[in-house]
């Protein structure tokens, strides 16, 4: 039978941490998302070139839609690739 000290290490160590996600657009007052800035848009794309969901980025619904439109426009103009292998 496991002792109390052994059970402590089997549990998730990040259970008590309160790392709240926040919308960076609301926090910093960003109103416009420029589709011509690929470095900024790369923050919302994973290694394969897919958009990261809201639950991971912490964006609000309004700004997540604006990010999606900006990424789609940048892809259409060949600023960002549609599909990539290890983009970052």
PDB file of N, CA and C in Angstrom:
ATOM      1  N   UNK A   1       0.832  -1.164   0.000  1.00  0.00           N
ATOM      2  CA  UNK A   1       0.000   0.000   0.000  1.00  0.00           C
ATOM      3  C   UNK A   1       0.885   1.237   0.000  1.00  0.00           C
ATOM      4  N   UNK A   2       0.486   2.269  -0.765  1.00  0.00           N
ATOM      5  CA  UNK A   2       1.270   3.500  -0.879  1.00  0.00           C
ATOM      6  C   UNK A   2       1.098   4.363   0.370  1.00  0.00           C
ATOM      7  N   UNK A   3       2.186   4.967   0.762  1.00  0.00           N
ATOM      8  CA  UNK A   3       2.117   5.864   1.911  1.00  0.00           C
ATOM      9  C   UNK A   3       1.631   7.252   1.463  1.00  0.00           C
ATOM     10  N   UNK A   4       1.397   8.084   2.424  1.00  0.00           N
ATOM     11  CA  UNK A   4       0.869   9.425   2.129  1.00  0.00           C
ATOM     12  C   UNK A   4       1.873  10.252   1.310  1.00  0.00           C
ATOM     13  N   UNK A   5       3.190  10.097   1.567  1.00  0.00           N
ATOM     14  CA  UNK A   5       4.199  10.854   0.823  1.00  0.00           C
ATOM     15  C   UNK A   5       4.281  10.411  -0.625  1.00  0.00           C
ATOM     16  N   UNK A   6       4.094   9.122  -0.885  1.00  0.00           N
ATOM     17  CA  UNK A   6       4.135   8.628  -2.262  1.00  0.00           C
ATOM     18  C   UNK A   6       2.931   9.097  -3.055  1.00  0.00           C
ATOM     19  N   UNK A   7       1.795   9.202  -2.435  1.00  0.00           N
ATOM     20  CA  UNK A   7       0.580   9.648  -3.126  1.00  0.00           C
ATOM     21  C   UNK A   7       0.710  11.110  -3.525  1.00  0.00           C
ATOM     22  N   UNK A   8       1.423  11.885  -2.733  1.00  0.00           N
ATOM     23  CA  UNK A   8       1.596  13.306  -3.034  1.00  0.00           C
ATOM     24  C   UNK A   8       2.274  13.497  -4.393  1.00  0.00           C
ATOM     25  N   UNK A   9       3.238  12.644  -4.726  1.00  0.00           N
ATOM     26  CA  UNK A   9       3.971  12.790  -5.977  1.00  0.00           C
ATOM     27  C   UNK A   9       3.216  12.199  -7.164  1.00  0.00           C
ATOM     28  N   UNK A  10       2.194  11.396  -6.917  1.00  0.00           N
ATOM     29  CA  UNK A  10       1.429  10.835  -8.018  1.00  0.00           C
ATOM     30  C   UNK A  10       0.382  11.816  -8.536  1.00  0.00           C
ATOM     31  N   UNK A  11       0.055  12.826  -7.750  1.00  0.00           N
ATOM     32  CA  UNK A  11      -0.957  13.785  -8.185  1.00  0.00           C
ATOM     33  C   UNK A  11      -0.320  14.865  -9.057  1.00  0.00           C
ATOM     34  N   UNK A  12      -1.160  15.632  -9.740  1.00  0.00           N
ATOM     35  CA  UNK A  12      -0.704  16.690 -10.625  1.00  0.00           C
ATOM     36  C   UNK A  12      -0.151  17.849  -9.800  1.00  0.00           C
ATOM     37  N   UNK A  13       1.089  18.273 -10.021  1.00  0.00           N
ATOM     38  CA  UNK A  13       1.651  19.364  -9.210  1.00  0.00           C
ATOM     39  C   UNK A  13       1.071  20.727  -9.542  1.00  0.00           C
ATOM     40  N   UNK A  14       0.366  20.875 -10.662  1.00  0.00           N
ATOM     41  CA  UNK A  14      -0.158  22.179 -11.067  1.00  0.00           C
ATOM     42  C   UNK A  14      -1.619  22.385 -10.668  1.00  0.00           C
ATOM     43  N   UNK A  15      -2.132  21.578  -9.758  1.00  0.00           N
ATOM     44  CA  UNK A  15      -3.542  21.677  -9.390  1.00  0.00           C
ATOM     45  C   UNK A  15      -3.831  22.990  -8.679  1.00  0.00           C
ATOM     46  N   UNK A  16      -2.970  23.433  -7.799  1.00  0.00           N
ATOM     47  CA  UNK A  16      -3.240  24.618  -7.006  1.00  0.00           C
ATOM     48  C   UNK A  16      -2.856  25.928  -7.667  1.00  0.00           C
ATOM     49  N   UNK A  17      -2.176  25.887  -8.816  1.00  0.00           N
ATOM     50  CA  UNK A  17      -1.724  27.140  -9.431  1.00  0.00           C
ATOM     51  C   UNK A  17      -2.877  27.837 -10.137  1.00  0.00           C
ATOM     52  N   UNK A  18      -2.919  29.166 -10.023  1.00  0.00           N
ATOM     53  CA  UNK A  18      -3.971  29.969 -10.633  1.00  0.00           C
ATOM     54  C   UNK A  18      -3.387  30.822 -11.747  1.00  0.00           C
ATOM     55  N   UNK A  19      -3.051  30.202 -12.866  1.00  0.00           N
ATOM     56  CA  UNK A  19      -2.580  30.952 -14.024  1.00  0.00           C
ATOM     57  C   UNK A  19      -3.788  31.253 -14.901  1.00  0.00           C
ATOM     58  N   UNK A  20      -4.383  32.423 -14.676  1.00  0.00           N
ATOM     59  CA  UNK A  20      -5.575  32.805 -15.414  1.00  0.00           C
ATOM     60  C   UNK A  20      -5.196  33.211 -16.829  1.00  0.00           C
ATOM     61  N   UNK A  21      -5.974  32.748 -17.796  1.00  0.00           N
ATOM     62  CA  UNK A  21      -5.794  33.190 -19.167  1.00  0.00           C
ATOM     63  C   UNK A  21      -6.491  34.527 -19.327  1.00  0.00           C
ATOM     64  N   UNK A  22      -5.969  35.359 -20.181  1.00  0.00           N
ATOM     65  CA  UNK A  22      -6.559  36.661 -20.404  1.00  0.00           C
ATOM     66  C   UNK A  22      -6.484  36.990 -21.886  1.00  0.00           C
ATOM     67  N   UNK A  23      -7.352  37.867 -22.302  1.00  0.00           N
ATOM     68  CA  UNK A  23      -7.349  38.328 -23.683  1.00  0.00           C
ATOM     69  C   UNK A  23      -6.318  39.446 -23.798  1.00  0.00           C
ATOM     70  N   UNK A  24      -5.252  39.191 -24.522  1.00  0.00           N
ATOM     71  CA  UNK A  24      -4.182  40.187 -24.629  1.00  0.00           C
ATOM     72  C   UNK A  24      -4.634  41.429 -25.386  1.00  0.00           C
ATOM     73  N   UNK A  25      -5.652  41.291 -26.229  1.00  0.00           N
ATOM     74  CA  UNK A  25      -6.151  42.439 -26.977  1.00  0.00           C
ATOM     75  C   UNK A  25      -6.901  43.407 -26.060  1.00  0.00           C
ATOM     76  N   UNK A  26      -7.691  42.864 -25.147  1.00  0.00           N
ATOM     77  CA  UNK A  26      -8.391  43.715 -24.196  1.00  0.00           C
ATOM     78  C   UNK A  26      -7.429  44.314 -23.177  1.00  0.00           C
ATOM     79  N   UNK A  27      -6.453  43.529 -22.754  1.00  0.00           N
ATOM     80  CA  UNK A  27      -5.526  43.997 -21.731  1.00  0.00           C
ATOM     81  C   UNK A  27      -4.650  45.139 -22.234  1.00  0.00           C
ATOM     82  N   UNK A  28      -4.156  45.031 -23.478  1.00  0.00           N
ATOM     83  CA  UNK A  28      -3.255  46.039 -24.015  1.00  0.00           C
ATOM     84  C   UNK A  28      -3.956  47.052 -24.913  1.00  0.00           C
ATOM     85  N   UNK A  29      -5.269  46.925 -25.091  1.00  0.00           N
ATOM     86  CA  UNK A  29      -6.021  47.903 -25.866  1.00  0.00           C
ATOM     87  C   UNK A  29      -5.782  47.837 -27.356  1.00  0.00           C
ATOM     88  N   UNK A  30      -5.519  46.650 -27.894  1.00  0.00           N
ATOM     89  CA  UNK A  30      -5.298  46.496 -29.333  1.00  0.00           C
ATOM     90  C   UNK A  30      -6.660  46.437 -30.020  1.00  0.00           C
ATOM     91  N   UNK A  31      -6.898  47.362 -30.931  1.00  0.00           N
ATOM     92  CA  UNK A  31      -8.188  47.418 -31.619  1.00  0.00           C
ATOM     93  C   UNK A  31      -8.131  46.776 -33.003  1.00  0.00           C
ATOM     94  N   UNK A  32      -6.990  46.898 -33.676  1.00  0.00           N
ATOM     95  CA  UNK A  32      -6.872  46.421 -35.054  1.00  0.00           C
ATOM     96  C   UNK A  32      -5.815  45.330 -35.133  1.00  0.00           C
ATOM     97  N   UNK A  33      -6.150  44.261 -35.832  1.00  0.00           N
ATOM     98  CA  UNK A  33      -5.211  43.153 -36.042  1.00  0.00           C
ATOM     99  C   UNK A  33      -4.775  43.212 -37.500  1.00  0.00           C
ATOM    100  N   UNK A  34      -3.495  43.461 -37.733  1.00  0.00           N
ATOM    101  CA  UNK A  34      -2.982  43.645 -39.084  1.00  0.00           C
ATOM    102  C   UNK A  34      -2.608  42.297 -39.680  1.00  0.00           C
ATOM    103  N   UNK A  35      -3.182  41.990 -40.841  1.00  0.00           N
ATOM    104  CA  UNK A  35      -2.885  40.719 -41.503  1.00  0.00           C
ATOM    105  C   UNK A  35      -1.526  40.744 -42.181  1.00  0.00           C
ATOM    106  N   UNK A  36      -0.894  41.907 -42.279  1.00  0.00           N
ATOM    107  CA  UNK A  36       0.406  42.012 -42.939  1.00  0.00           C
ATOM    108  C   UNK A  36       1.573  41.825 -41.973  1.00  0.00           C
ATOM    109  N   UNK A  37       1.291  41.494 -40.721  1.00  0.00           N
ATOM    110  CA  UNK A  37       2.330  41.298 -39.710  1.00  0.00           C
ATOM    111  C   UNK A  37       2.444  39.808 -39.377  1.00  0.00           C
ATOM    112  N   UNK A  38       3.277  39.074 -40.110  1.00  0.00           N
ATOM    113  CA  UNK A  38       3.333  37.615 -39.890  1.00  0.00           C
ATOM    114  C   UNK A  38       3.923  37.217 -38.543  1.00  0.00           C
ATOM    115  N   UNK A  39       4.834  38.032 -37.989  1.00  0.00           N
ATOM    116  CA  UNK A  39       5.447  37.699 -36.696  1.00  0.00           C
ATOM    117  C   UNK A  39       4.406  37.702 -35.582  1.00  0.00           C
ATOM    118  N   UNK A  40       3.477  38.647 -35.631  1.00  0.00           N
ATOM    119  CA  UNK A  40       2.424  38.706 -34.630  1.00  0.00           C
ATOM    120  C   UNK A  40       1.438  37.556 -34.806  1.00  0.00           C
ATOM    121  N   UNK A  41       1.100  37.237 -36.052  1.00  0.00           N
ATOM    122  CA  UNK A  41       0.121  36.178 -36.309  1.00  0.00           C
ATOM    123  C   UNK A  41       0.669  34.789 -36.002  1.00  0.00           C
ATOM    124  N   UNK A  42       1.990  34.641 -36.006  1.00  0.00           N
ATOM    125  CA  UNK A  42       2.590  33.338 -35.696  1.00  0.00           C
ATOM    126  C   UNK A  42       2.330  32.928 -34.249  1.00  0.00           C
ATOM    127  N   UNK A  43       1.985  33.870 -33.378  1.00  0.00           N
ATOM    128  CA  UNK A  43       1.687  33.544 -31.988  1.00  0.00           C
ATOM    129  C   UNK A  43       0.392  32.745 -31.867  1.00  0.00           C
ATOM    130  N   UNK A  44      -0.466  32.827 -32.878  1.00  0.00           N
ATOM    131  CA  UNK A  44      -1.770  32.177 -32.821  1.00  0.00           C
ATOM    132  C   UNK A  44      -1.846  30.957 -33.736  1.00  0.00           C
ATOM    133  N   UNK A  45      -0.690  30.476 -34.198  1.00  0.00           N
ATOM    134  CA  UNK A  45      -0.630  29.335 -35.107  1.00  0.00           C
ATOM    135  C   UNK A  45       0.314  28.302 -34.518  1.00  0.00           C
ATOM    136  N   UNK A  46      -0.045  27.019 -34.646  1.00  0.00           N
ATOM    137  CA  UNK A  46       0.850  25.978 -34.134  1.00  0.00           C
ATOM    138  C   UNK A  46       1.886  25.587 -35.196  1.00  0.00           C
ATOM    139  N   UNK A  47       2.660  24.559 -34.943  1.00  0.00           N
ATOM    140  CA  UNK A  47       3.760  24.181 -35.819  1.00  0.00           C
ATOM    141  C   UNK A  47       3.297  23.707 -37.192  1.00  0.00           C
ATOM    142  N   UNK A  48       2.089  23.148 -37.258  1.00  0.00           N
ATOM    143  CA  UNK A  48       1.570  22.678 -38.534  1.00  0.00           C
ATOM    144  C   UNK A  48       0.894  23.786 -39.337  1.00  0.00           C
ATOM    145  N   UNK A  49       0.710  24.949 -38.757  1.00  0.00           N
ATOM    146  CA  UNK A  49       0.058  26.045 -39.451  1.00  0.00           C
ATOM    147  C   UNK A  49      -1.411  26.181 -39.117  1.00  0.00           C
ATOM    148  N   UNK A  50      -1.900  25.440 -38.132  1.00  0.00           N
ATOM    149  CA  UNK A  50      -3.311  25.515 -37.751  1.00  0.00           C
ATOM    150  C   UNK A  50      -3.519  26.615 -36.717  1.00  0.00           C
ATOM    151  N   UNK A  51      -4.713  27.187 -36.717  1.00  0.00           N
ATOM    152  CA  UNK A  51      -5.057  28.200 -35.721  1.00  0.00           C
ATOM    153  C   UNK A  51      -5.201  27.558 -34.348  1.00  0.00           C
ATOM    154  N   UNK A  52      -4.668  28.223 -33.340  1.00  0.00           N
ATOM    155  CA  UNK A  52      -4.830  27.738 -31.973  1.00  0.00           C
ATOM    156  C   UNK A  52      -6.211  28.131 -31.456  1.00  0.00           C
ATOM    157  N   UNK A  53      -6.872  27.268 -30.715  1.00  0.00           N
ATOM    158  CA  UNK A  53      -8.211  27.591 -30.220  1.00  0.00           C
ATOM    159  C   UNK A  53      -8.177  28.602 -29.074  1.00  0.00           C
ATOM    160  N   UNK A  54      -9.358  29.150 -28.785  1.00  0.00           N
ATOM    161  CA  UNK A  54      -9.498  30.150 -27.720  1.00  0.00           C
ATOM    162  C   UNK A  54      -9.115  29.614 -26.364  1.00  0.00           C
ATOM    163  N   UNK A  55      -9.387  28.354 -26.116  1.00  0.00           N
ATOM    164  CA  UNK A  55      -9.104  27.794 -24.796  1.00  0.00           C
ATOM    165  C   UNK A  55      -7.608  27.729 -24.523  1.00  0.00           C
ATOM    166  N   UNK A  56      -6.799  27.760 -25.566  1.00  0.00           N
ATOM    167  CA  UNK A  56      -5.347  27.756 -25.386  1.00  0.00           C
ATOM    168  C   UNK A  56      -4.795  29.184 -25.385  1.00  0.00           C
ATOM    169  N   UNK A  57      -5.243  30.030 -26.322  1.00  0.00           N
ATOM    170  CA  UNK A  57      -4.706  31.381 -26.416  1.00  0.00           C
ATOM    171  C   UNK A  57      -5.298  32.308 -25.377  1.00  0.00           C
ATOM    172  N   UNK A  58      -6.543  32.088 -24.959  1.00  0.00           N
ATOM    173  CA  UNK A  58      -7.183  32.948 -23.981  1.00  0.00           C
ATOM    174  C   UNK A  58      -7.862  34.159 -24.593  1.00  0.00           C
ATOM    175  N   UNK A  59      -7.955  34.219 -25.923  1.00  0.00           N
ATOM    176  CA  UNK A  59      -8.597  35.360 -26.581  1.00  0.00           C
ATOM    177  C   UNK A  59     -10.095  35.340 -26.342  1.00  0.00           C
ATOM    178  N   UNK A  60     -10.693  36.528 -26.391  1.00  0.00           N
ATOM    179  CA  UNK A  60     -12.151  36.593 -26.337  1.00  0.00           C
ATOM    180  C   UNK A  60     -12.700  36.213 -27.713  1.00  0.00           C
ATOM    181  N   UNK A  61     -13.992  35.959 -27.777  1.00  0.00           N
ATOM    182  CA  UNK A  61     -14.611  35.511 -29.023  1.00  0.00           C
ATOM    183  C   UNK A  61     -14.456  36.547 -30.128  1.00  0.00           C
ATOM    184  N   UNK A  62     -14.649  37.805 -29.783  1.00  0.00           N
ATOM    185  CA  UNK A  62     -14.561  38.895 -30.756  1.00  0.00           C
ATOM    186  C   UNK A  62     -13.183  38.936 -31.407  1.00  0.00           C
ATOM    187  N   UNK A  63     -12.142  38.874 -30.612  1.00  0.00           N
ATOM    188  CA  UNK A  63     -10.793  38.987 -31.146  1.00  0.00           C
ATOM    189  C   UNK A  63     -10.302  37.674 -31.752  1.00  0.00           C
ATOM    190  N   UNK A  64     -10.815  36.551 -31.313  1.00  0.00           N
ATOM    191  CA  UNK A  64     -10.452  35.280 -31.939  1.00  0.00           C
ATOM    192  C   UNK A  64     -10.962  35.247 -33.376  1.00  0.00           C
ATOM    193  N   UNK A  65     -12.161  35.782 -33.606  1.00  0.00           N
ATOM    194  CA  UNK A  65     -12.694  35.852 -34.970  1.00  0.00           C
ATOM    195  C   UNK A  65     -11.852  36.783 -35.830  1.00  0.00           C
ATOM    196  N   UNK A  66     -11.413  37.917 -35.257  1.00  0.00           N
ATOM    197  CA  UNK A  66     -10.572  38.847 -36.002  1.00  0.00           C
ATOM    198  C   UNK A  66      -9.209  38.239 -36.328  1.00  0.00           C
ATOM    199  N   UNK A  67      -8.669  37.464 -35.398  1.00  0.00           N
ATOM    200  CA  UNK A  67      -7.396  36.779 -35.651  1.00  0.00           C
ATOM    201  C   UNK A  67      -7.569  35.760 -36.774  1.00  0.00           C
ATOM    202  N   UNK A  68      -8.674  35.022 -36.747  1.00  0.00           N
ATOM    203  CA  UNK A  68      -8.922  34.013 -37.778  1.00  0.00           C
ATOM    204  C   UNK A  68      -9.025  34.661 -39.154  1.00  0.00           C
ATOM    205  N   UNK A  69      -9.721  35.775 -39.245  1.00  0.00           N
ATOM    206  CA  UNK A  69      -9.845  36.473 -40.528  1.00  0.00           C
ATOM    207  C   UNK A  69      -8.491  36.993 -40.994  1.00  0.00           C
ATOM    208  N   UNK A  70      -7.705  37.539 -40.078  1.00  0.00           N
ATOM    209  CA  UNK A  70      -6.386  38.061 -40.431  1.00  0.00           C
ATOM    210  C   UNK A  70      -5.458  36.945 -40.913  1.00  0.00           C
ATOM    211  N   UNK A  71      -5.502  35.783 -40.257  1.00  0.00           N
ATOM    212  CA  UNK A  71      -4.662  34.658 -40.669  1.00  0.00           C
ATOM    213  C   UNK A  71      -5.100  34.154 -42.041  1.00  0.00           C
ATOM    214  N   UNK A  72      -6.397  34.082 -42.278  1.00  0.00           N
ATOM    215  CA  UNK A  72      -6.894  33.627 -43.583  1.00  0.00           C
ATOM    216  C   UNK A  72      -6.503  34.585 -44.694  1.00  0.00           C
ATOM    217  N   UNK A  73      -6.551  35.888 -44.421  1.00  0.00           N
ATOM    218  CA  UNK A  73      -6.123  36.874 -45.418  1.00  0.00           C
ATOM    219  C   UNK A  73      -4.627  36.759 -45.693  1.00  0.00           C
ATOM    220  N   UNK A  74      -3.838  36.577 -44.643  1.00  0.00           N
ATOM    221  CA  UNK A  74      -2.388  36.441 -44.815  1.00  0.00           C
ATOM    222  C   UNK A  74      -2.049  35.167 -45.579  1.00  0.00           C
ATOM    223  N   UNK A  75      -2.791  34.106 -45.361  1.00  0.00           N
ATOM    224  CA  UNK A  75      -2.570  32.874 -46.130  1.00  0.00           C
ATOM    225  C   UNK A  75      -2.906  33.084 -47.597  1.00  0.00           C
ATOM    226  N   UNK A  76      -3.998  33.786 -47.849  1.00  0.00           N
ATOM    227  CA  UNK A  76      -4.431  34.016 -49.231  1.00  0.00           C
ATOM    228  C   UNK A  76      -3.402  34.843 -49.998  1.00  0.00           C
ATOM    229  N   UNK A  77      -2.735  35.785 -49.328  1.00  0.00           N
ATOM    230  CA  UNK A  77      -1.724  36.619 -49.959  1.00  0.00           C
ATOM    231  C   UNK A  77      -0.321  36.021 -49.875  1.00  0.00           C
ATOM    232  N   UNK A  78      -0.210  34.794 -49.404  1.00  0.00           N
ATOM    233  CA  UNK A  78       1.055  34.047 -49.307  1.00  0.00           C
ATOM    234  C   UNK A  78       2.027  34.684 -48.316  1.00  0.00           C
ATOM    235  N   UNK A  79       1.501  35.391 -47.320  1.00  0.00           N
ATOM    236  CA  UNK A  79       2.354  35.890 -46.236  1.00  0.00           C
ATOM    237  C   UNK A  79       2.589  34.772 -45.220  1.00  0.00           C
ATOM    238  N   UNK A  80       1.555  33.957 -44.994  1.00  0.00           N
ATOM    239  CA  UNK A  80       1.656  32.775 -44.139  1.00  0.00           C
ATOM    240  C   UNK A  80       1.344  31.539 -44.976  1.00  0.00           C
ATOM    241  N   UNK A  81       1.963  30.407 -44.666  1.00  0.00           N
ATOM    242  CA  UNK A  81       1.646  29.188 -45.415  1.00  0.00           C
ATOM    243  C   UNK A  81       0.354  28.542 -44.916  1.00  0.00           C
ATOM    244  N   UNK A  82      -0.327  27.838 -45.817  1.00  0.00           N
ATOM    245  CA  UNK A  82      -1.517  27.085 -45.412  1.00  0.00           C
ATOM    246  C   UNK A  82      -1.116  25.893 -44.553  1.00  0.00           C
ATOM    247  N   UNK A  83      -0.110  25.157 -45.011  1.00  0.00           N
ATOM    248  CA  UNK A  83       0.376  23.972 -44.297  1.00  0.00           C
ATOM    249  C   UNK A  83       1.888  24.094 -44.200  1.00  0.00           C
ATOM    250  N   UNK A  84       2.432  23.764 -43.025  1.00  0.00           N
ATOM    251  CA  UNK A  84       3.872  23.877 -42.836  1.00  0.00           C
ATOM    252  C   UNK A  84       4.363  22.730 -41.966  1.00  0.00           C
ATOM    253  N   UNK A  85       5.596  22.357 -42.179  1.00  0.00           N
ATOM    254  CA  UNK A  85       6.270  21.384 -41.314  1.00  0.00           C
ATOM    255  C   UNK A  85       7.215  22.147 -40.409  1.00  0.00           C
ATOM    256  N   UNK A  86       6.900  22.135 -39.116  1.00  0.00           N
ATOM    257  CA  UNK A  86       7.706  22.816 -38.099  1.00  0.00           C
ATOM    258  C   UNK A  86       7.897  24.281 -38.456  1.00  0.00           C
ATOM    259  N   UNK A  87       6.803  25.011 -38.453  1.00  0.00           N
ATOM    260  CA  UNK A  87       6.787  26.423 -38.837  1.00  0.00           C
ATOM    261  C   UNK A  87       7.602  27.283 -37.889  1.00  0.00           C
ATOM    262  N   UNK A  88       7.546  26.986 -36.586  1.00  0.00           N
ATOM    263  CA  UNK A  88       8.241  27.830 -35.598  1.00  0.00           C
ATOM    264  C   UNK A  88       9.636  27.324 -35.345  1.00  0.00           C
TER     265      UNK A  88
END
